[in-house]
Amino acid sequence: MIFWRDFAKAHKIRFILEGIENEKIDQFIDLFNIDIRQGYYYEKPHPIQLDANK
């Protein structure tokens, strides 16, 4: 994870960490200075509503 974080930063690429399931994991990830995160801890996925006429 640290390699990919540093690689992304060096190449000006956004690094998004997935799989944050609870507060304990979120606090652990704080140690690695990763700002963009996603997972059930923040919000459960929702189906997208698509307009078939577009």
PDB file of N, CA and C in Angstrom:
ATOM      1  N   MET A   1       0.823  -1.175   0.000  1.00  0.00           N
ATOM      2  CA  MET A   1       0.000   0.000   0.000  1.00  0.00           C
ATOM      3  C   MET A   1       0.877   1.253   0.000  1.00  0.00           C
ATOM      4  N   ILE A   2       1.922   1.244   0.774  1.00  0.00           N
ATOM      5  CA  ILE A   2       2.793   2.417   0.839  1.00  0.00           C
ATOM      6  C   ILE A   2       3.474   2.648  -0.505  1.00  0.00           C
ATOM      7  N   PHE A   3       3.901   1.553  -1.150  1.00  0.00           N
ATOM      8  CA  PHE A   3       4.511   1.689  -2.477  1.00  0.00           C
ATOM      9  C   PHE A   3       3.548   2.370  -3.438  1.00  0.00           C
ATOM     10  N   TRP A   4       2.301   1.883  -3.501  1.00  0.00           N
ATOM     11  CA  TRP A   4       1.329   2.441  -4.447  1.00  0.00           C
ATOM     12  C   TRP A   4       0.963   3.875  -4.093  1.00  0.00           C
ATOM     13  N   ARG A   5       0.876   4.186  -2.817  1.00  0.00           N
ATOM     14  CA  ARG A   5       0.620   5.572  -2.399  1.00  0.00           C
ATOM     15  C   ARG A   5       1.732   6.492  -2.896  1.00  0.00           C
ATOM     16  N   ASP A   6       2.967   6.083  -2.677  1.00  0.00           N
ATOM     17  CA  ASP A   6       4.109   6.896  -3.094  1.00  0.00           C
ATOM     18  C   ASP A   6       4.226   6.972  -4.612  1.00  0.00           C
ATOM     19  N   PHE A   7       3.952   5.867  -5.291  1.00  0.00           N
ATOM     20  CA  PHE A   7       3.980   5.841  -6.753  1.00  0.00           C
ATOM     21  C   PHE A   7       2.957   6.821  -7.316  1.00  0.00           C
ATOM     22  N   ALA A   8       1.742   6.770  -6.781  1.00  0.00           N
ATOM     23  CA  ALA A   8       0.681   7.667  -7.245  1.00  0.00           C
ATOM     24  C   ALA A   8       1.061   9.125  -7.011  1.00  0.00           C
ATOM     25  N   LYS A   9       1.605   9.416  -5.855  1.00  0.00           N
ATOM     26  CA  LYS A   9       2.000  10.790  -5.546  1.00  0.00           C
ATOM     27  C   LYS A   9       3.093  11.269  -6.496  1.00  0.00           C
ATOM     28  N   ALA A  10       4.066  10.422  -6.774  1.00  0.00           N
ATOM     29  CA  ALA A  10       5.174  10.789  -7.657  1.00  0.00           C
ATOM     30  C   ALA A  10       4.708  11.052  -9.082  1.00  0.00           C
ATOM     31  N   HIS A  11       3.635  10.369  -9.496  1.00  0.00           N
ATOM     32  CA  HIS A  11       3.118  10.512 -10.859  1.00  0.00           C
ATOM     33  C   HIS A  11       1.858  11.374 -10.931  1.00  0.00           C
ATOM     34  N   LYS A  12       1.562  12.059  -9.818  1.00  0.00           N
ATOM     35  CA  LYS A  12       0.395  12.943  -9.741  1.00  0.00           C
ATOM     36  C   LYS A  12      -0.910  12.213 -10.107  1.00  0.00           C
ATOM     37  N   ILE A  13      -1.073  11.031  -9.528  1.00  0.00           N
ATOM     38  CA  ILE A  13      -2.260  10.195  -9.730  1.00  0.00           C
ATOM     39  C   ILE A  13      -2.995  10.110  -8.390  1.00  0.00           C
ATOM     40  N   ARG A  14      -4.308  10.179  -8.436  1.00  0.00           N
ATOM     41  CA  ARG A  14      -5.085  10.023  -7.202  1.00  0.00           C
ATOM     42  C   ARG A  14      -4.993   8.579  -6.720  1.00  0.00           C
ATOM     43  N   PHE A  15      -4.778   8.423  -5.443  1.00  0.00           N
ATOM     44  CA  PHE A  15      -4.719   7.098  -4.824  1.00  0.00           C
ATOM     45  C   PHE A  15      -5.939   6.955  -3.933  1.00  0.00           C
ATOM     46  N   ILE A  16      -6.799   6.003  -4.261  1.00  0.00           N
ATOM     47  CA  ILE A  16      -8.034   5.787  -3.507  1.00  0.00           C
ATOM     48  C   ILE A  16      -7.952   4.421  -2.841  1.00  0.00           C
ATOM     49  N   LEU A  17      -8.070   4.398  -1.541  1.00  0.00           N
ATOM     50  CA  LEU A  17      -8.029   3.148  -0.799  1.00  0.00           C
ATOM     51  C   LEU A  17      -9.453   2.668  -0.561  1.00  0.00           C
ATOM     52  N   GLU A  18      -9.732   1.452  -0.984  1.00  0.00           N
ATOM     53  CA  GLU A  18     -11.058   0.860  -0.817  1.00  0.00           C
ATOM     54  C   GLU A  18     -11.049  -0.120   0.351  1.00  0.00           C
ATOM     55  N   GLY A  19     -12.229  -0.426   0.834  1.00  0.00           N
ATOM     56  CA  GLY A  19     -12.368  -1.469   1.843  1.00  0.00           C
ATOM     57  C   GLY A  19     -12.346  -0.984   3.280  1.00  0.00           C
ATOM     58  N   ILE A  20     -12.648   0.287   3.500  1.00  0.00           N
ATOM     59  CA  ILE A  20     -12.718   0.793   4.870  1.00  0.00           C
ATOM     60  C   ILE A  20     -14.073   0.365   5.438  1.00  0.00           C
ATOM     61  N   GLU A  21     -14.045  -0.643   6.304  1.00  0.00           N
ATOM     62  CA  GLU A  21     -15.285  -1.257   6.777  1.00  0.00           C
ATOM     63  C   GLU A  21     -15.721  -0.775   8.161  1.00  0.00           C
ATOM     64  N   ASN A  22     -14.784  -0.229   8.927  1.00  0.00           N
ATOM     65  CA  ASN A  22     -15.148   0.200  10.281  1.00  0.00           C
ATOM     66  C   ASN A  22     -14.168   1.258  10.788  1.00  0.00           C
ATOM     67  N   GLU A  23     -14.479   1.807  11.953  1.00  0.00           N
ATOM     68  CA  GLU A  23     -13.666   2.890  12.515  1.00  0.00           C
ATOM     69  C   GLU A  23     -12.244   2.431  12.832  1.00  0.00           C
ATOM     70  N   LYS A  24     -12.099   1.195  13.268  1.00  0.00           N
ATOM     71  CA  LYS A  24     -10.769   0.673  13.605  1.00  0.00           C
ATOM     72  C   LYS A  24      -9.856   0.682  12.376  1.00  0.00           C
ATOM     73  N   ILE A  25     -10.360   0.237  11.244  1.00  0.00           N
ATOM     74  CA  ILE A  25      -9.576   0.252  10.000  1.00  0.00           C
ATOM     75  C   ILE A  25      -9.294   1.686   9.585  1.00  0.00           C
ATOM     76  N   ASP A  26     -10.288   2.547   9.694  1.00  0.00           N
ATOM     77  CA  ASP A  26     -10.119   3.949   9.316  1.00  0.00           C
ATOM     78  C   ASP A  26      -9.018   4.607  10.143  1.00  0.00           C
ATOM     79  N   GLN A  27      -9.004   4.354  11.434  1.00  0.00           N
ATOM     80  CA  GLN A  27      -7.970   4.926  12.299  1.00  0.00           C
ATOM     81  C   GLN A  27      -6.590   4.362  11.959  1.00  0.00           C
ATOM     82  N   PHE A  28      -6.524   3.086  11.613  1.00  0.00           N
ATOM     83  CA  PHE A  28      -5.254   2.474  11.224  1.00  0.00           C
ATOM     84  C   PHE A  28      -4.713   3.124   9.951  1.00  0.00           C
ATOM     85  N   ILE A  29      -5.588   3.378   8.995  1.00  0.00           N
ATOM     86  CA  ILE A  29      -5.181   3.982   7.725  1.00  0.00           C
ATOM     87  C   ILE A  29      -4.699   5.414   7.940  1.00  0.00           C
ATOM     88  N   ASP A  30      -5.160   6.072   8.985  1.00  0.00           N
ATOM     89  CA  ASP A  30      -4.657   7.415   9.313  1.00  0.00           C
ATOM     90  C   ASP A  30      -3.134   7.426   9.443  1.00  0.00           C
ATOM     91  N   LEU A  31      -2.557   6.328   9.866  1.00  0.00           N
ATOM     92  CA  LEU A  31      -1.103   6.238  10.039  1.00  0.00           C
ATOM     93  C   LEU A  31      -0.349   6.351   8.715  1.00  0.00           C
ATOM     94  N   PHE A  32      -1.037   6.089   7.593  1.00  0.00           N
ATOM     95  CA  PHE A  32      -0.381   6.038   6.287  1.00  0.00           C
ATOM     96  C   PHE A  32      -0.635   7.273   5.429  1.00  0.00           C
ATOM     97  N   ASN A  33      -1.328   8.252   5.997  1.00  0.00           N
ATOM     98  CA  ASN A  33      -1.556   9.517   5.286  1.00  0.00           C
ATOM     99  C   ASN A  33      -2.210   9.310   3.915  1.00  0.00           C
ATOM    100  N   ILE A  34      -3.315   8.569   3.912  1.00  0.00           N
ATOM    101  CA  ILE A  34      -4.085   8.355   2.688  1.00  0.00           C
ATOM    102  C   ILE A  34      -5.403   9.103   2.856  1.00  0.00           C
ATOM    103  N   ASP A  35      -5.606  10.100   2.017  1.00  0.00           N
ATOM    104  CA  ASP A  35      -6.758  10.989   2.182  1.00  0.00           C
ATOM    105  C   ASP A  35      -8.041  10.477   1.547  1.00  0.00           C
ATOM    106  N   ILE A  36      -7.940   9.805   0.420  1.00  0.00           N
ATOM    107  CA  ILE A  36      -9.150   9.396  -0.293  1.00  0.00           C
ATOM    108  C   ILE A  36      -9.421   7.927   0.016  1.00  0.00           C
ATOM    109  N   ARG A  37     -10.567   7.683   0.645  1.00  0.00           N
ATOM    110  CA  ARG A  37     -10.924   6.336   1.086  1.00  0.00           C
ATOM    111  C   ARG A  37     -12.389   6.078   0.768  1.00  0.00           C
ATOM    112  N   GLN A  38     -12.716   4.809   0.621  1.00  0.00           N
ATOM    113  CA  GLN A  38     -14.121   4.465   0.447  1.00  0.00           C
ATOM    114  C   GLN A  38     -14.384   3.102   1.068  1.00  0.00           C
ATOM    115  N   GLY A  39     -15.637   2.892   1.428  1.00  0.00           N
ATOM    116  CA  GLY A  39     -16.024   1.623   2.021  1.00  0.00           C
ATOM    117  C   GLY A  39     -17.328   1.753   2.786  1.00  0.00           C
ATOM    118  N   TYR A  40     -17.780   0.631   3.322  1.00  0.00           N
ATOM    119  CA  TYR A  40     -19.039   0.587   4.057  1.00  0.00           C
ATOM    120  C   TYR A  40     -19.032   1.502   5.275  1.00  0.00           C
ATOM    121  N   TYR A  41     -17.867   1.775   5.813  1.00  0.00           N
ATOM    122  CA  TYR A  41     -17.792   2.649   6.988  1.00  0.00           C
ATOM    123  C   TYR A  41     -18.352   4.032   6.678  1.00  0.00           C
ATOM    124  N   TYR A  42     -18.154   4.492   5.469  1.00  0.00           N
ATOM    125  CA  TYR A  42     -18.621   5.827   5.079  1.00  0.00           C
ATOM    126  C   TYR A  42     -20.042   5.799   4.527  1.00  0.00           C
ATOM    127  N   GLU A  43     -20.338   4.828   3.708  1.00  0.00           N
ATOM    128  CA  GLU A  43     -21.671   4.751   3.090  1.00  0.00           C
ATOM    129  C   GLU A  43     -21.813   3.403   2.401  1.00  0.00           C
ATOM    130  N   LYS A  44     -22.975   2.791   2.554  1.00  0.00           N
ATOM    131  CA  LYS A  44     -23.251   1.551   1.830  1.00  0.00           C
ATOM    132  C   LYS A  44     -23.573   1.898   0.381  1.00  0.00           C
ATOM    133  N   PRO A  45     -23.215   1.011  -0.550  1.00  0.00           N
ATOM    134  CA  PRO A  45     -23.499   1.297  -1.960  1.00  0.00           C
ATOM    135  C   PRO A  45     -25.005   1.365  -2.227  1.00  0.00           C
ATOM    136  N   HIS A  46     -25.363   2.192  -3.172  1.00  0.00           N
ATOM    137  CA  HIS A  46     -26.757   2.340  -3.580  1.00  0.00           C
ATOM    138  C   HIS A  46     -26.852   2.095  -5.081  1.00  0.00           C
ATOM    139  N   PRO A  47     -27.953   1.498  -5.536  1.00  0.00           N
ATOM    140  CA  PRO A  47     -28.117   1.335  -6.989  1.00  0.00           C
ATOM    141  C   PRO A  47     -28.264   2.694  -7.673  1.00  0.00           C
ATOM    142  N   ILE A  48     -27.789   2.788  -8.885  1.00  0.00           N
ATOM    143  CA  ILE A  48     -27.894   4.036  -9.644  1.00  0.00           C
ATOM    144  C   ILE A  48     -29.196   4.010 -10.436  1.00  0.00           C
ATOM    145  N   GLN A  49     -29.855   5.148 -10.497  1.00  0.00           N
ATOM    146  CA  GLN A  49     -31.054   5.285 -11.314  1.00  0.00           C
ATOM    147  C   GLN A  49     -30.641   5.843 -12.672  1.00  0.00           C
ATOM    148  N   LEU A  50     -30.867   5.089 -13.724  1.00  0.00           N
ATOM    149  CA  LEU A  50     -30.530   5.538 -15.069  1.00  0.00           C
ATOM    150  C   LEU A  50     -31.802   5.853 -15.840  1.00  0.00           C
ATOM    151  N   ASP A  51     -31.754   6.899 -16.622  1.00  0.00           N
ATOM    152  CA  ASP A  51     -32.868   7.261 -17.483  1.00  0.00           C
ATOM    153  C   ASP A  51     -32.626   6.620 -18.844  1.00  0.00           C
ATOM    154  N   ALA A  52     -33.460   5.667 -19.220  1.00  0.00           N
ATOM    155  CA  ALA A  52     -33.281   4.925 -20.472  1.00  0.00           C
ATOM    156  C   ALA A  52     -33.475   5.808 -21.700  1.00  0.00           C
ATOM    157  N   ASN A  53     -34.071   6.989 -21.539  1.00  0.00           N
ATOM    158  CA  ASN A  53     -34.316   7.872 -22.679  1.00  0.00           C
ATOM    159  C   ASN A  53     -33.134   8.778 -22.992  1.00  0.00           C
ATOM    160  N   LYS A  54     -32.099   8.737 -22.223  1.00  0.00           N
ATOM    161  CA  LYS A  54     -30.942   9.607 -22.469  1.00  0.00           C
ATOM    162  C   LYS A  54     -29.923   8.915 -23.331  1.00  0.00           C
TER     163      LYS A  54
END
